[in-house]
PDB file of all heavy atoms in Angstrom:
ATOM      1  N   GLN A   1       1.539  10.892  -6.808  1.00  0.00           N
ATOM      2  CA  GLN A   1       0.226  10.470  -7.281  1.00  0.00           C
ATOM      3  C   GLN A   1      -0.521   9.769  -6.143  1.00  0.00           C
ATOM      4  O   GLN A   1       0.085   9.367  -5.145  1.00  0.00           O
ATOM      5  CB  GLN A   1       0.381   9.520  -8.470  1.00  0.00           C
ATOM      6  CG  GLN A   1       0.950  10.183  -9.714  1.00  0.00           C
ATOM      7  CD  GLN A   1       1.048   9.205 -10.867  1.00  0.00           C
ATOM      8  OE1 GLN A   1       2.036   8.500 -11.019  1.00  0.00           O
ATOM      9  NE2 GLN A   1       0.002   9.153 -11.682  1.00  0.00           N
ATOM     10  N   PRO A   2      -1.843   9.598  -6.277  1.00  0.00           N
ATOM     11  CA  PRO A   2      -2.583   8.855  -5.246  1.00  0.00           C
ATOM     12  C   PRO A   2      -2.045   7.431  -5.090  1.00  0.00           C
ATOM     13  O   PRO A   2      -1.467   6.864  -6.032  1.00  0.00           O
ATOM     14  CB  PRO A   2      -4.024   8.841  -5.792  1.00  0.00           C
ATOM     15  CG  PRO A   2      -4.092  10.011  -6.703  1.00  0.00           C
ATOM     16  CD  PRO A   2      -2.731  10.132  -7.328  1.00  0.00           C
ATOM     17  N   VAL A   3      -2.218   6.857  -3.907  1.00  0.00           N
ATOM     18  CA  VAL A   3      -1.827   5.462  -3.689  1.00  0.00           C
ATOM     19  C   VAL A   3      -2.986   4.546  -4.085  1.00  0.00           C
ATOM     20  O   VAL A   3      -4.147   4.948  -4.028  1.00  0.00           O
ATOM     21  CB  VAL A   3      -1.418   5.190  -2.217  1.00  0.00           C
ATOM     22  CG1 VAL A   3      -0.168   5.960  -1.859  1.00  0.00           C
ATOM     23  CG2 VAL A   3      -2.556   5.526  -1.259  1.00  0.00           C
ATOM     24  N   ARG A   4      -2.631   3.350  -4.506  1.00  0.00           N
ATOM     25  CA  ARG A   4      -3.650   2.364  -4.891  1.00  0.00           C
ATOM     26  C   ARG A   4      -3.954   1.472  -3.695  1.00  0.00           C
ATOM     27  O   ARG A   4      -3.056   0.839  -3.145  1.00  0.00           O
ATOM     28  CB  ARG A   4      -3.148   1.515  -6.070  1.00  0.00           C
ATOM     29  CG  ARG A   4      -4.165   0.488  -6.574  1.00  0.00           C
ATOM     30  CD  ARG A   4      -3.649  -0.191  -7.840  1.00  0.00           C
ATOM     31  NE  ARG A   4      -2.465  -0.997  -7.570  1.00  0.00           N
ATOM     32  CZ  ARG A   4      -2.501  -2.280  -7.167  1.00  0.00           C
ATOM     33  NH1 ARG A   4      -3.661  -2.883  -6.967  1.00  0.00           N
ATOM     34  NH2 ARG A   4      -1.370  -2.949  -6.972  1.00  0.00           N
ATOM     35  N   GLU A   5      -5.221   1.405  -3.302  1.00  0.00           N
ATOM     36  CA  GLU A   5      -5.609   0.617  -2.133  1.00  0.00           C
ATOM     37  C   GLU A   5      -5.780  -0.856  -2.499  1.00  0.00           C
ATOM     38  O   GLU A   5      -6.438  -1.185  -3.476  1.00  0.00           O
ATOM     39  CB  GLU A   5      -6.911   1.152  -1.541  1.00  0.00           C
ATOM     40  CG  GLU A   5      -7.320   0.451  -0.255  1.00  0.00           C
ATOM     41  CD  GLU A   5      -8.613   1.002   0.318  1.00  0.00           C
ATOM     42  OE1 GLU A   5      -9.692   0.551  -0.099  1.00  0.00           O
ATOM     43  OE2 GLU A   5      -8.523   1.897   1.176  1.00  0.00           O
ATOM     44  N   VAL A   6      -5.156  -1.717  -1.702  1.00  0.00           N
ATOM     45  CA  VAL A   6      -5.367  -3.162  -1.816  1.00  0.00           C
ATOM     46  C   VAL A   6      -5.652  -3.699  -0.422  1.00  0.00           C
ATOM     47  O   VAL A   6      -5.259  -3.083   0.577  1.00  0.00           O
ATOM     48  CB  VAL A   6      -4.146  -3.895  -2.430  1.00  0.00           C
ATOM     49  CG1 VAL A   6      -3.875  -3.424  -3.838  1.00  0.00           C
ATOM     50  CG2 VAL A   6      -2.899  -3.705  -1.560  1.00  0.00           C
ATOM     51  N   GLU A   7      -6.333  -4.816  -0.343  1.00  0.00           N
ATOM     52  CA  GLU A   7      -6.664  -5.421   0.943  1.00  0.00           C
ATOM     53  C   GLU A   7      -6.016  -6.784   1.056  1.00  0.00           C
ATOM     54  O   GLU A   7      -6.040  -7.577   0.103  1.00  0.00           O
ATOM     55  CB  GLU A   7      -8.181  -5.552   1.103  1.00  0.00           C
ATOM     56  CG  GLU A   7      -8.909  -4.217   1.192  1.00  0.00           C
ATOM     57  CD  GLU A   7     -10.402  -4.382   1.394  1.00  0.00           C
ATOM     58  OE1 GLU A   7     -10.918  -5.494   1.115  1.00  0.00           O
ATOM     59  OE2 GLU A   7     -11.058  -3.417   1.819  1.00  0.00           O
ATOM     60  N   ILE A   8      -5.431  -7.068   2.223  1.00  0.00           N
ATOM     61  CA  ILE A   8      -4.862  -8.385   2.487  1.00  0.00           C
ATOM     62  C   ILE A   8      -5.488  -8.926   3.767  1.00  0.00           C
ATOM     63  O   ILE A   8      -5.808  -8.162   4.680  1.00  0.00           O
ATOM     64  CB  ILE A   8      -3.318  -8.350   2.609  1.00  0.00           C
ATOM     65  CG1 ILE A   8      -2.884  -7.416   3.750  1.00  0.00           C
ATOM     66  CG2 ILE A   8      -2.681  -7.920   1.301  1.00  0.00           C
ATOM     67  CD1 ILE A   8      -1.410  -7.491   4.051  1.00  0.00           C
ATOM     68  N   PRO A   9      -5.689 -10.254   3.850  1.00  0.00           N
ATOM     69  CA  PRO A   9      -6.331 -10.823   5.040  1.00  0.00           C
ATOM     70  C   PRO A   9      -5.438 -10.752   6.273  1.00  0.00           C
ATOM     71  O   PRO A   9      -4.224 -10.917   6.186  1.00  0.00           O
ATOM     72  CB  PRO A   9      -6.594 -12.282   4.631  1.00  0.00           C
ATOM     73  CG  PRO A   9      -5.625 -12.564   3.529  1.00  0.00           C
ATOM     74  CD  PRO A   9      -5.403 -11.267   2.820  1.00  0.00           C
ATOM     75  N   LYS A  10      -6.049 -10.489   7.435  1.00  0.00           N
ATOM     76  CA  LYS A  10      -5.343 -10.488   8.716  1.00  0.00           C
ATOM     77  C   LYS A  10      -5.601 -11.807   9.440  1.00  0.00           C
ATOM     78  O   LYS A  10      -6.440 -12.606   9.034  1.00  0.00           O
ATOM     79  CB  LYS A  10      -5.825  -9.309   9.567  1.00  0.00           C
ATOM     80  CG  LYS A  10      -5.438  -7.955   9.016  1.00  0.00           C
ATOM     81  CD  LYS A  10      -6.046  -6.820   9.811  1.00  0.00           C
ATOM     82  CE  LYS A  10      -5.481  -6.707  11.194  1.00  0.00           C
ATOM     83  NZ  LYS A  10      -5.995  -5.514  11.924  1.00  0.00           N
ATOM     84  N   LYS A  11      -4.878 -12.024  10.533  1.00  0.00           N
ATOM     85  CA  LYS A  11      -4.996 -13.262  11.304  1.00  0.00           C
ATOM     86  C   LYS A  11      -6.418 -13.504  11.795  1.00  0.00           C
ATOM     87  O   LYS A  11      -6.887 -14.636  11.841  1.00  0.00           O
ATOM     88  CB  LYS A  11      -4.060 -13.220  12.521  1.00  0.00           C
ATOM     89  CG  LYS A  11      -2.585 -13.109  12.194  1.00  0.00           C
ATOM     90  CD  LYS A  11      -1.781 -12.970  13.481  1.00  0.00           C
ATOM     91  CE  LYS A  11      -0.317 -12.708  13.200  1.00  0.00           C
ATOM     92  NZ  LYS A  11       0.464 -12.511  14.444  1.00  0.00           N
ATOM     93  N   ASP A  12      -7.102 -12.400  12.186  1.00  0.00           N
ATOM     94  CA  ASP A  12      -8.434 -12.544  12.782  1.00  0.00           C
ATOM     95  C   ASP A  12      -9.555 -12.623  11.745  1.00  0.00           C
ATOM     96  O   ASP A  12     -10.725 -12.598  12.085  1.00  0.00           O
ATOM     97  CB  ASP A  12      -8.704 -11.393  13.746  1.00  0.00           C
ATOM     98  CG  ASP A  12      -8.613 -10.019  13.071  1.00  0.00           C
ATOM     99  OD1 ASP A  12      -8.479  -9.967  11.831  1.00  0.00           O
ATOM    100  OD2 ASP A  12      -8.687  -9.001  13.793  1.00  0.00           O
ATOM    101  N   GLY A  13      -9.189 -12.693  10.464  1.00  0.00           N
ATOM    102  CA  GLY A  13     -10.195 -12.803   9.413  1.00  0.00           C
ATOM    103  C   GLY A  13     -10.593 -11.475   8.800  1.00  0.00           C
ATOM    104  O   GLY A  13     -11.254 -11.450   7.750  1.00  0.00           O
ATOM    105  N   SER A  14     -10.224 -10.372   9.427  1.00  0.00           N
ATOM    106  CA  SER A  14     -10.526  -9.059   8.863  1.00  0.00           C
ATOM    107  C   SER A  14      -9.512  -8.723   7.765  1.00  0.00           C
ATOM    108  O   SER A  14      -8.628  -9.526   7.446  1.00  0.00           O
ATOM    109  CB  SER A  14     -10.509  -7.995   9.964  1.00  0.00           C
ATOM    110  OG  SER A  14      -9.224  -7.916  10.555  1.00  0.00           O
ATOM    111  N   LYS A  15      -9.618  -7.538   7.188  1.00  0.00           N
ATOM    112  CA  LYS A  15      -8.732  -7.133   6.095  1.00  0.00           C
ATOM    113  C   LYS A  15      -7.853  -5.963   6.525  1.00  0.00           C
ATOM    114  O   LYS A  15      -8.307  -5.058   7.221  1.00  0.00           O
ATOM    115  CB  LYS A  15      -9.558  -6.727   4.867  1.00  0.00           C
ATOM    116  CG  LYS A  15     -10.443  -7.839   4.291  1.00  0.00           C
ATOM    117  CD  LYS A  15      -9.609  -8.884   3.580  1.00  0.00           C
ATOM    118  CE  LYS A  15     -10.474  -9.972   2.956  1.00  0.00           C
ATOM    119  NZ  LYS A  15     -11.256  -9.483   1.813  1.00  0.00           N
ATOM    120  N   ARG A  16      -6.604  -6.009   6.112  1.00  0.00           N
ATOM    121  CA  ARG A  16      -5.695  -4.876   6.322  1.00  0.00           C
ATOM    122  C   ARG A  16      -5.570  -4.122   4.999  1.00  0.00           C
ATOM    123  O   ARG A  16      -5.320  -4.723   3.956  1.00  0.00           O
ATOM    124  CB  ARG A  16      -4.323  -5.349   6.786  1.00  0.00           C
ATOM    125  CG  ARG A  16      -3.296  -4.217   6.861  1.00  0.00           C
ATOM    126  CD  ARG A  16      -1.933  -4.675   7.315  1.00  0.00           C
ATOM    127  NE  ARG A  16      -1.899  -4.901   8.751  1.00  0.00           N
ATOM    128  CZ  ARG A  16      -1.693  -6.061   9.320  1.00  0.00           C
ATOM    129  NH1 ARG A  16      -1.516  -7.137   8.572  1.00  0.00           N
ATOM    130  NH2 ARG A  16      -1.677  -6.195  10.628  1.00  0.00           N
ATOM    131  N   LYS A  17      -5.762  -2.815   5.057  1.00  0.00           N
ATOM    132  CA  LYS A  17      -5.682  -2.013   3.843  1.00  0.00           C
ATOM    133  C   LYS A  17      -4.262  -1.482   3.647  1.00  0.00           C
ATOM    134  O   LYS A  17      -3.697  -0.867   4.554  1.00  0.00           O
ATOM    135  CB  LYS A  17      -6.672  -0.852   3.918  1.00  0.00           C
ATOM    136  CG  LYS A  17      -8.129  -1.305   3.892  1.00  0.00           C
ATOM    137  CD  LYS A  17      -9.083  -0.139   3.945  1.00  0.00           C
ATOM    138  CE  LYS A  17     -10.533  -0.625   3.898  1.00  0.00           C
ATOM    139  NZ  LYS A  17     -11.495   0.499   3.961  1.00  0.00           N
ATOM    140  N   LEU A  18      -3.700  -1.740   2.482  1.00  0.00           N
ATOM    141  CA  LEU A  18      -2.394  -1.216   2.119  1.00  0.00           C
ATOM    142  C   LEU A  18      -2.564  -0.136   1.064  1.00  0.00           C
ATOM    143  O   LEU A  18      -3.464  -0.201   0.230  1.00  0.00           O
ATOM    144  CB  LEU A  18      -1.492  -2.321   1.562  1.00  0.00           C
ATOM    145  CG  LEU A  18      -1.213  -3.534   2.451  1.00  0.00           C
ATOM    146  CD1 LEU A  18      -0.242  -4.471   1.745  1.00  0.00           C
ATOM    147  CD2 LEU A  18      -0.642  -3.108   3.786  1.00  0.00           C
ATOM    148  N   GLY A  19      -1.677   0.849   1.092  1.00  0.00           N
ATOM    149  CA  GLY A  19      -1.658   1.883   0.064  1.00  0.00           C
ATOM    150  C   GLY A  19      -0.404   1.733  -0.767  1.00  0.00           C
ATOM    151  O   GLY A  19       0.703   1.951  -0.266  1.00  0.00           O
ATOM    152  N   ILE A  20      -0.541   1.344  -2.028  1.00  0.00           N
ATOM    153  CA  ILE A  20       0.611   1.067  -2.879  1.00  0.00           C
ATOM    154  C   ILE A  20       0.957   2.307  -3.700  1.00  0.00           C
ATOM    155  O   ILE A  20       0.199   2.709  -4.588  1.00  0.00           O
ATOM    156  CB  ILE A  20       0.335  -0.120  -3.827  1.00  0.00           C
ATOM    157  CG1 ILE A  20      -0.174  -1.337  -3.041  1.00  0.00           C
ATOM    158  CG2 ILE A  20       1.589  -0.463  -4.620  1.00  0.00           C
ATOM    159  CD1 ILE A  20       0.788  -1.859  -1.997  1.00  0.00           C
ATOM    160  N   PRO A  21       2.109   2.935  -3.436  1.00  0.00           N
ATOM    161  CA  PRO A  21       2.516   4.091  -4.244  1.00  0.00           C
ATOM    162  C   PRO A  21       3.038   3.628  -5.609  1.00  0.00           C
ATOM    163  O   PRO A  21       3.370   2.459  -5.802  1.00  0.00           O
ATOM    164  CB  PRO A  21       3.651   4.723  -3.426  1.00  0.00           C
ATOM    165  CG  PRO A  21       3.685   3.993  -2.112  1.00  0.00           C
ATOM    166  CD  PRO A  21       3.069   2.656  -2.361  1.00  0.00           C
ATOM    167  N   THR A  22       3.137   4.567  -6.547  1.00  0.00           N
ATOM    168  CA  THR A  22       3.777   4.265  -7.831  1.00  0.00           C
ATOM    169  C   THR A  22       5.264   4.005  -7.590  1.00  0.00           C
ATOM    170  O   THR A  22       5.813   4.362  -6.546  1.00  0.00           O
ATOM    171  CB  THR A  22       3.624   5.433  -8.810  1.00  0.00           C
ATOM    172  OG1 THR A  22       4.326   6.576  -8.281  1.00  0.00           O
ATOM    173  CG2 THR A  22       2.155   5.790  -9.031  1.00  0.00           C
ATOM    174  N   LEU A  23       5.917   3.404  -8.577  1.00  0.00           N
ATOM    175  CA  LEU A  23       7.350   3.128  -8.443  1.00  0.00           C
ATOM    176  C   LEU A  23       8.133   4.415  -8.260  1.00  0.00           C
ATOM    177  O   LEU A  23       9.070   4.481  -7.463  1.00  0.00           O
ATOM    178  CB  LEU A  23       7.860   2.365  -9.671  1.00  0.00           C
ATOM    179  CG  LEU A  23       7.186   1.020  -9.976  1.00  0.00           C
ATOM    180  CD1 LEU A  23       7.894   0.331 -11.134  1.00  0.00           C
ATOM    181  CD2 LEU A  23       7.168   0.108  -8.761  1.00  0.00           C
ATOM    182  N   ARG A  24       7.754   5.452  -9.001  1.00  0.00           N
ATOM    183  CA  ARG A  24       8.461   6.732  -8.878  1.00  0.00           C
ATOM    184  C   ARG A  24       8.291   7.314  -7.477  1.00  0.00           C
ATOM    185  O   ARG A  24       9.244   7.865  -6.903  1.00  0.00           O
ATOM    186  CB  ARG A  24       7.936   7.721  -9.924  1.00  0.00           C
ATOM    187  CG  ARG A  24       8.333   7.341 -11.354  1.00  0.00           C
ATOM    188  CD  ARG A  24       7.963   8.430 -12.341  1.00  0.00           C
ATOM    189  NE  ARG A  24       8.353   8.063 -13.694  1.00  0.00           N
ATOM    190  CZ  ARG A  24       8.393   8.889 -14.726  1.00  0.00           C
ATOM    191  NH1 ARG A  24       8.050  10.157 -14.541  1.00  0.00           N
ATOM    192  NH2 ARG A  24       8.756   8.479 -15.917  1.00  0.00           N
ATOM    193  N   ASP A  25       7.096   7.202  -6.932  1.00  0.00           N
ATOM    194  CA  ASP A  25       6.873   7.715  -5.579  1.00  0.00           C
ATOM    195  C   ASP A  25       7.653   6.915  -4.540  1.00  0.00           C
ATOM    196  O   ASP A  25       8.133   7.468  -3.544  1.00  0.00           O
ATOM    197  CB  ASP A  25       5.379   7.700  -5.239  1.00  0.00           C
ATOM    198  CG  ASP A  25       4.608   8.823  -5.938  1.00  0.00           C
ATOM    199  OD1 ASP A  25       5.256   9.816  -6.306  1.00  0.00           O
ATOM    200  OD2 ASP A  25       3.392   8.697  -6.120  1.00  0.00           O
ATOM    201  N   ARG A  26       7.774   5.615  -4.768  1.00  0.00           N
ATOM    202  CA  ARG A  26       8.561   4.799  -3.831  1.00  0.00           C
ATOM    203  C   ARG A  26      10.022   5.234  -3.825  1.00  0.00           C
ATOM    204  O   ARG A  26      10.661   5.325  -2.766  1.00  0.00           O
ATOM    205  CB  ARG A  26       8.462   3.320  -4.208  1.00  0.00           C
ATOM    206  CG  ARG A  26       7.221   2.628  -3.653  1.00  0.00           C
ATOM    207  CD  ARG A  26       7.165   1.190  -4.079  1.00  0.00           C
ATOM    208  NE  ARG A  26       6.039   0.972  -4.967  1.00  0.00           N
ATOM    209  CZ  ARG A  26       5.766  -0.155  -5.585  1.00  0.00           C
ATOM    210  NH1 ARG A  26       6.551  -1.206  -5.408  1.00  0.00           N
ATOM    211  NH2 ARG A  26       4.717  -0.269  -6.366  1.00  0.00           N
ATOM    212  N   ILE A  27      10.555   5.487  -5.013  1.00  0.00           N
ATOM    213  CA  ILE A  27      11.958   5.923  -5.106  1.00  0.00           C
ATOM    214  C   ILE A  27      12.124   7.293  -4.446  1.00  0.00           C
ATOM    215  O   ILE A  27      13.065   7.521  -3.673  1.00  0.00           O
ATOM    216  CB  ILE A  27      12.406   5.965  -6.580  1.00  0.00           C
ATOM    217  CG1 ILE A  27      12.407   4.551  -7.164  1.00  0.00           C
ATOM    218  CG2 ILE A  27      13.799   6.589  -6.697  1.00  0.00           C
ATOM    219  CD1 ILE A  27      12.550   4.495  -8.678  1.00  0.00           C
ATOM    220  N   ALA A  28      11.200   8.204  -4.727  1.00  0.00           N
ATOM    221  CA  ALA A  28      11.275   9.547  -4.134  1.00  0.00           C
ATOM    222  C   ALA A  28      11.185   9.474  -2.613  1.00  0.00           C
ATOM    223  O   ALA A  28      11.936  10.161  -1.896  1.00  0.00           O
ATOM    224  CB  ALA A  28      10.159  10.424  -4.707  1.00  0.00           C
ATOM    225  N   GLN A  29      10.278   8.641  -2.104  1.00  0.00           N
ATOM    226  CA  GLN A  29      10.162   8.481  -0.657  1.00  0.00           C
ATOM    227  C   GLN A  29      11.443   7.916  -0.063  1.00  0.00           C
ATOM    228  O   GLN A  29      11.865   8.323   1.029  1.00  0.00           O
ATOM    229  CB  GLN A  29       8.975   7.571  -0.319  1.00  0.00           C
ATOM    230  CG  GLN A  29       7.618   8.214  -0.518  1.00  0.00           C
ATOM    231  CD  GLN A  29       6.487   7.331  -0.018  1.00  0.00           C
ATOM    232  OE1 GLN A  29       6.653   6.568   0.924  1.00  0.00           O
ATOM    233  NE2 GLN A  29       5.327   7.427  -0.655  1.00  0.00           N
ATOM    234  N   GLN A  30      12.066   6.982  -0.770  1.00  0.00           N
ATOM    235  CA  GLN A  30      13.298   6.377  -0.270  1.00  0.00           C
ATOM    236  C   GLN A  30      14.407   7.415  -0.165  1.00  0.00           C
ATOM    237  O   GLN A  30      15.207   7.398   0.780  1.00  0.00           O
ATOM    238  CB  GLN A  30      13.746   5.239  -1.195  1.00  0.00           C
ATOM    239  CG  GLN A  30      14.959   4.457  -0.701  1.00  0.00           C
ATOM    240  CD  GLN A  30      14.657   3.621   0.518  1.00  0.00           C
ATOM    241  OE1 GLN A  30      13.709   2.853   0.543  1.00  0.00           O
ATOM    242  NE2 GLN A  30      15.474   3.766   1.558  1.00  0.00           N
ATOM    243  N   VAL A  31      14.467   8.345  -1.119  1.00  0.00           N
ATOM    244  CA  VAL A  31      15.479   9.409  -1.084  1.00  0.00           C
ATOM    245  C   VAL A  31      15.323  10.239   0.191  1.00  0.00           C
ATOM    246  O   VAL A  31      16.296  10.476   0.922  1.00  0.00           O
ATOM    247  CB  VAL A  31      15.348  10.321  -2.332  1.00  0.00           C
ATOM    248  CG1 VAL A  31      16.263  11.545  -2.185  1.00  0.00           C
ATOM    249  CG2 VAL A  31      15.696   9.554  -3.600  1.00  0.00           C
TER     250      VAL A  31
END
């Protein structure tokens, strides 16, 4: 499924974008 985008602050004040997969996708990727 698509990843969910979230933003977290970086040291320099800008934002780092993370892509959060579903739990099932995380398990499949780990395999």
